[in-house]
Amino acid sequence: MLSRFLKRLDAVVMAVSMVGLVTLFVVTLLQVFMRYVARVPFVWSYEFLSLVFLFTSALVGAIVLGRKEHFTVPMIADALGPRGKLWFELFSIGGCAVFSLIIAIDGFRVAWRLRNTTTPVLGISEAIPNLILPVMGVYMLLHTINHLHQSVYALTRKEGQAQ
């Protein structure tokens, strides 16, 4: 059930991220044109692009974690047997869950603390760009819970076959 929900959510988040990527490209081209051809640079583009990049990369990072396409060093896991590999995977997933929880909690604290501060050019609350941290943390935590469920199921299935 969680897997199906996350697949649907991943599709929506990927679509939003693609819009962010296109926005990055278009605004960057527009800024280059306005600065070097029209000689009238936008003052808001750098700050805007930084915010869009932050949101896009955080959301895509959570999707990459969910697909298990993130950077790994399989040297230790490859040295273990199949059962040891599953236990090592459980340990890794637990580490990701703790990390995701820390990002979610501390990200919310940072956003809350900066709620009355505004960005220098756009004048929006600093809480808005910092809200991506708890959102990303919760999103990554959902993926790690899903991975944990799948790994525990695989481990119990293998132990049941061994008996």
C-alpha atoms as a PDB file:
ATOM      1  CA  MET A   1       0.000   0.000   0.000  1.00  0.00           C
ATOM      2  CA  LEU A   2       2.799   2.429   0.903  1.00  0.00           C
ATOM      3  CA  SER A   3       4.682   1.381  -2.240  1.00  0.00           C
ATOM      4  CA  ARG A   4       1.753   2.300  -4.468  1.00  0.00           C
ATOM      5  CA  PHE A   5       1.262   5.618  -2.688  1.00  0.00           C
ATOM      6  CA  LEU A   6       4.967   6.458  -3.047  1.00  0.00           C
ATOM      7  CA  LYS A   7       4.977   5.546  -6.754  1.00  0.00           C
ATOM      8  CA  ARG A   8       2.121   7.971  -7.359  1.00  0.00           C
ATOM      9  CA  LEU A   9       3.718  10.632  -5.190  1.00  0.00           C
ATOM     10  CA  ASP A  10       7.059  10.130  -6.975  1.00  0.00           C
ATOM     11  CA  ALA A  11       5.353  10.712 -10.330  1.00  0.00           C
ATOM     12  CA  VAL A  12       3.822  13.981  -9.109  1.00  0.00           C
ATOM     13  CA  VAL A  13       7.069  15.131  -7.483  1.00  0.00           C
ATOM     14  CA  MET A  14       9.030  14.225 -10.617  1.00  0.00           C
ATOM     15  CA  ALA A  15       6.630  16.317 -12.715  1.00  0.00           C
ATOM     16  CA  VAL A  16       7.061  19.255 -10.318  1.00  0.00           C
ATOM     17  CA  SER A  17      10.832  18.757 -10.460  1.00  0.00           C
ATOM     18  CA  MET A  18      10.777  18.781 -14.257  1.00  0.00           C
ATOM     19  CA  VAL A  19       8.921  22.095 -14.147  1.00  0.00           C
ATOM     20  CA  GLY A  20      11.651  23.320 -11.789  1.00  0.00           C
ATOM     21  CA  LEU A  21      14.355  22.159 -14.193  1.00  0.00           C
ATOM     22  CA  VAL A  22      12.698  23.884 -17.153  1.00  0.00           C
ATOM     23  CA  THR A  23      12.270  27.015 -15.022  1.00  0.00           C
ATOM     24  CA  LEU A  24      15.980  26.955 -14.143  1.00  0.00           C
ATOM     25  CA  PHE A  25      16.893  26.690 -17.805  1.00  0.00           C
ATOM     26  CA  VAL A  26      14.489  29.373 -19.071  1.00  0.00           C
ATOM     27  CA  VAL A  27      15.241  31.937 -16.356  1.00  0.00           C
ATOM     28  CA  THR A  28      18.994  31.394 -16.761  1.00  0.00           C
ATOM     29  CA  LEU A  29      18.765  31.946 -20.525  1.00  0.00           C
ATOM     30  CA  LEU A  30      16.558  34.980 -19.990  1.00  0.00           C
ATOM     31  CA  GLN A  31      18.987  36.421 -17.442  1.00  0.00           C
ATOM     32  CA  VAL A  32      21.965  35.909 -19.783  1.00  0.00           C
ATOM     33  CA  PHE A  33      20.064  37.587 -22.616  1.00  0.00           C
ATOM     34  CA  MET A  34      18.928  40.500 -20.459  1.00  0.00           C
ATOM     35  CA  ARG A  35      22.379  41.040 -18.941  1.00  0.00           C
ATOM     36  CA  TYR A  36      24.590  40.720 -22.019  1.00  0.00           C
ATOM     37  CA  VAL A  37      22.322  41.617 -24.941  1.00  0.00           C
ATOM     38  CA  ALA A  38      19.709  43.998 -23.533  1.00  0.00           C
ATOM     39  CA  ARG A  39      22.132  45.330 -20.862  1.00  0.00           C
ATOM     40  CA  VAL A  40      19.294  45.395 -18.306  1.00  0.00           C
ATOM     41  CA  PRO A  41      19.956  42.561 -15.836  1.00  0.00           C
ATOM     42  CA  PHE A  42      17.277  41.214 -13.553  1.00  0.00           C
ATOM     43  CA  VAL A  43      18.032  41.760  -9.889  1.00  0.00           C
ATOM     44  CA  TRP A  44      15.830  38.878  -8.744  1.00  0.00           C
ATOM     45  CA  SER A  45      17.056  36.046 -10.963  1.00  0.00           C
ATOM     46  CA  TYR A  46      20.010  34.822  -8.873  1.00  0.00           C
ATOM     47  CA  GLU A  47      17.974  34.514  -5.679  1.00  0.00           C
ATOM     48  CA  PHE A  48      15.037  32.977  -7.531  1.00  0.00           C
ATOM     49  CA  LEU A  49      17.263  30.439  -9.292  1.00  0.00           C
ATOM     50  CA  SER A  50      18.916  29.501  -5.993  1.00  0.00           C
ATOM     51  CA  LEU A  51      15.520  28.773  -4.443  1.00  0.00           C
ATOM     52  CA  VAL A  52      14.277  26.769  -7.437  1.00  0.00           C
ATOM     53  CA  PHE A  53      17.530  24.778  -7.510  1.00  0.00           C
ATOM     54  CA  LEU A  54      17.246  24.039  -3.780  1.00  0.00           C
ATOM     55  CA  PHE A  55      13.670  22.771  -4.102  1.00  0.00           C
ATOM     56  CA  THR A  56      14.329  20.761  -7.261  1.00  0.00           C
ATOM     57  CA  SER A  57      17.493  19.060  -6.030  1.00  0.00           C
ATOM     58  CA  ALA A  58      15.964  18.197  -2.635  1.00  0.00           C
ATOM     59  CA  LEU A  59      12.882  16.639  -4.198  1.00  0.00           C
ATOM     60  CA  VAL A  60      14.850  14.692  -6.798  1.00  0.00           C
ATOM     61  CA  GLY A  61      17.243  13.519  -4.085  1.00  0.00           C
ATOM     62  CA  ALA A  62      14.340  11.986  -2.175  1.00  0.00           C
ATOM     63  CA  ILE A  63      13.128  10.238  -5.337  1.00  0.00           C
ATOM     64  CA  VAL A  64      16.618   8.879  -6.001  1.00  0.00           C
ATOM     65  CA  LEU A  65      16.717   7.487  -2.452  1.00  0.00           C
ATOM     66  CA  GLY A  66      13.310   5.908  -3.010  1.00  0.00           C
ATOM     67  CA  ARG A  67      14.498   4.181  -6.175  1.00  0.00           C
ATOM     68  CA  LYS A  68      17.703   3.035  -4.453  1.00  0.00           C
ATOM     69  CA  GLU A  69      19.712   4.778  -7.162  1.00  0.00           C
ATOM     70  CA  HIS A  70      21.759   6.819  -4.695  1.00  0.00           C
ATOM     71  CA  PHE A  71      25.519   6.532  -4.294  1.00  0.00           C
ATOM     72  CA  THR A  72      26.570   3.370  -2.500  1.00  0.00           C
ATOM     73  CA  VAL A  73      29.833   1.588  -1.763  1.00  0.00           C
ATOM     74  CA  PRO A  74      28.942  -2.115  -1.949  1.00  0.00           C
ATOM     75  CA  MET A  75      32.379  -3.335  -0.846  1.00  0.00           C
ATOM     76  CA  ILE A  76      31.251  -4.413   2.641  1.00  0.00           C
ATOM     77  CA  ALA A  77      27.904  -5.805   1.511  1.00  0.00           C
ATOM     78  CA  ASP A  78      29.557  -7.834  -1.266  1.00  0.00           C
ATOM     79  CA  ALA A  79      31.877  -9.477   1.273  1.00  0.00           C
ATOM     80  CA  LEU A  80      28.883 -10.765   3.247  1.00  0.00           C
ATOM     81  CA  GLY A  81      26.681 -13.680   2.318  1.00  0.00           C
ATOM     82  CA  PRO A  82      23.072 -13.245   1.185  1.00  0.00           C
ATOM     83  CA  ARG A  83      21.718 -13.207   4.738  1.00  0.00           C
ATOM     84  CA  GLY A  84      24.477 -10.867   5.938  1.00  0.00           C
ATOM     85  CA  LYS A  85      23.703  -8.598   3.011  1.00  0.00           C
ATOM     86  CA  LEU A  86      20.100  -8.305   4.155  1.00  0.00           C
ATOM     87  CA  TRP A  87      21.169  -7.487   7.720  1.00  0.00           C
ATOM     88  CA  PHE A  88      23.622  -4.901   6.407  1.00  0.00           C
ATOM     89  CA  GLU A  89      20.843  -3.412   4.281  1.00  0.00           C
ATOM     90  CA  LEU A  90      18.627  -3.176   7.367  1.00  0.00           C
ATOM     91  CA  PHE A  91      21.424  -1.346   9.184  1.00  0.00           C
ATOM     92  CA  SER A  92      21.855   1.051   6.232  1.00  0.00           C
ATOM     93  CA  ILE A  93      18.131   1.706   6.027  1.00  0.00           C
ATOM     94  CA  GLY A  94      18.070   2.417   9.753  1.00  0.00           C
ATOM     95  CA  GLY A  95      20.835   4.982   9.274  1.00  0.00           C
ATOM     96  CA  CYS A  96      18.889   6.621   6.445  1.00  0.00           C
ATOM     97  CA  ALA A  97      15.771   6.703   8.624  1.00  0.00           C
ATOM     98  CA  VAL A  98      17.622   8.413  11.477  1.00  0.00           C
ATOM     99  CA  PHE A  99      19.165  10.910   9.041  1.00  0.00           C
ATOM    100  CA  SER A 100      15.753  11.634   7.474  1.00  0.00           C
ATOM    101  CA  LEU A 101      14.182  12.154  10.877  1.00  0.00           C
ATOM    102  CA  ILE A 102      16.935  14.566  11.916  1.00  0.00           C
ATOM    103  CA  ILE A 103      16.513  16.528   8.666  1.00  0.00           C
ATOM    104  CA  ALA A 104      12.742  16.700   9.151  1.00  0.00           C
ATOM    105  CA  ILE A 105      12.869  17.822  12.794  1.00  0.00           C
ATOM    106  CA  ASP A 106      15.793  20.223  12.548  1.00  0.00           C
ATOM    107  CA  GLY A 107      14.583  21.527   9.181  1.00  0.00           C
ATOM    108  CA  PHE A 108      11.271  22.448  10.744  1.00  0.00           C
ATOM    109  CA  ARG A 109      13.087  24.153  13.629  1.00  0.00           C
ATOM    110  CA  VAL A 110      15.184  26.202  11.197  1.00  0.00           C
ATOM    111  CA  ALA A 111      12.139  27.181   9.133  1.00  0.00           C
ATOM    112  CA  TRP A 112      10.242  28.166  12.276  1.00  0.00           C
ATOM    113  CA  ARG A 113      13.151  30.241  13.578  1.00  0.00           C
ATOM    114  CA  LEU A 114      13.470  32.102  10.248  1.00  0.00           C
ATOM    115  CA  ARG A 115       9.750  32.749   9.759  1.00  0.00           C
ATOM    116  CA  ASN A 116      10.075  36.488  10.476  1.00  0.00           C
ATOM    117  CA  THR A 117      13.171  36.997   8.315  1.00  0.00           C
ATOM    118  CA  THR A 118      12.830  37.861   4.629  1.00  0.00           C
ATOM    119  CA  THR A 119      15.063  37.213   1.641  1.00  0.00           C
ATOM    120  CA  PRO A 120      17.016  40.286   0.508  1.00  0.00           C
ATOM    121  CA  VAL A 121      15.674  40.642  -3.042  1.00  0.00           C
ATOM    122  CA  LEU A 122      12.397  38.756  -3.342  1.00  0.00           C
ATOM    123  CA  GLY A 123      11.244  39.741   0.136  1.00  0.00           C
ATOM    124  CA  ILE A 124       9.652  36.386   0.939  1.00  0.00           C
ATOM    125  CA  SER A 125       9.888  34.741   4.335  1.00  0.00           C
ATOM    126  CA  GLU A 126      13.080  32.712   4.835  1.00  0.00           C
ATOM    127  CA  ALA A 127      10.822  29.978   6.219  1.00  0.00           C
ATOM    128  CA  ILE A 128       9.525  29.220   2.713  1.00  0.00           C
ATOM    129  CA  PRO A 129      12.822  28.033   1.182  1.00  0.00           C
ATOM    130  CA  ASN A 130      13.744  26.281   4.428  1.00  0.00           C
ATOM    131  CA  LEU A 131      10.471  24.332   4.523  1.00  0.00           C
ATOM    132  CA  ILE A 132      11.930  22.061   1.861  1.00  0.00           C
ATOM    133  CA  LEU A 133      14.084  20.473   4.585  1.00  0.00           C
ATOM    134  CA  PRO A 134      11.231  18.994   6.660  1.00  0.00           C
ATOM    135  CA  VAL A 135       9.332  18.120   3.480  1.00  0.00           C
ATOM    136  CA  MET A 136      12.375  16.298   2.100  1.00  0.00           C
ATOM    137  CA  GLY A 137      13.019  14.632   5.469  1.00  0.00           C
ATOM    138  CA  VAL A 138       9.476  13.269   5.751  1.00  0.00           C
ATOM    139  CA  TYR A 139       9.501  12.192   2.100  1.00  0.00           C
ATOM    140  CA  MET A 140      12.813  10.363   2.561  1.00  0.00           C
ATOM    141  CA  LEU A 141      11.524   8.828   5.807  1.00  0.00           C
ATOM    142  CA  LEU A 142       8.502   7.419   3.967  1.00  0.00           C
ATOM    143  CA  HIS A 143      10.831   5.840   1.419  1.00  0.00           C
ATOM    144  CA  THR A 144      13.070   4.365   4.117  1.00  0.00           C
ATOM    145  CA  ILE A 145      10.041   2.927   5.947  1.00  0.00           C
ATOM    146  CA  ASN A 146       9.004   1.332   2.664  1.00  0.00           C
ATOM    147  CA  HIS A 147      12.527  -0.072   2.137  1.00  0.00           C
ATOM    148  CA  LEU A 148      12.583  -1.327   5.729  1.00  0.00           C
ATOM    149  CA  HIS A 149       9.286  -3.127   5.221  1.00  0.00           C
ATOM    150  CA  GLN A 150      10.550  -4.759   2.020  1.00  0.00           C
ATOM    151  CA  SER A 151      13.857  -5.802   3.617  1.00  0.00           C
ATOM    152  CA  VAL A 152      12.245  -7.247   6.755  1.00  0.00           C
ATOM    153  CA  TYR A 153       9.827  -9.165   4.553  1.00  0.00           C
ATOM    154  CA  ALA A 154      12.733 -10.519   2.471  1.00  0.00           C
ATOM    155  CA  LEU A 155      14.695 -11.433   5.616  1.00  0.00           C
ATOM    156  CA  THR A 156      11.786 -13.271   7.249  1.00  0.00           C
ATOM    157  CA  ARG A 157      11.022 -15.054   3.982  1.00  0.00           C
ATOM    158  CA  LYS A 158      14.655 -16.236   3.687  1.00  0.00           C
ATOM    159  CA  GLU A 159      14.763 -17.361   7.332  1.00  0.00           C
ATOM    160  CA  GLY A 160      11.491 -19.229   6.846  1.00  0.00           C
ATOM    161  CA  GLN A 161      12.944 -21.047   3.822  1.00  0.00           C
ATOM    162  CA  ALA A 162      16.085 -21.996   5.776  1.00  0.00           C
ATOM    163  CA  GLN A 163      14.037 -23.875   8.411  1.00  0.00           C
END
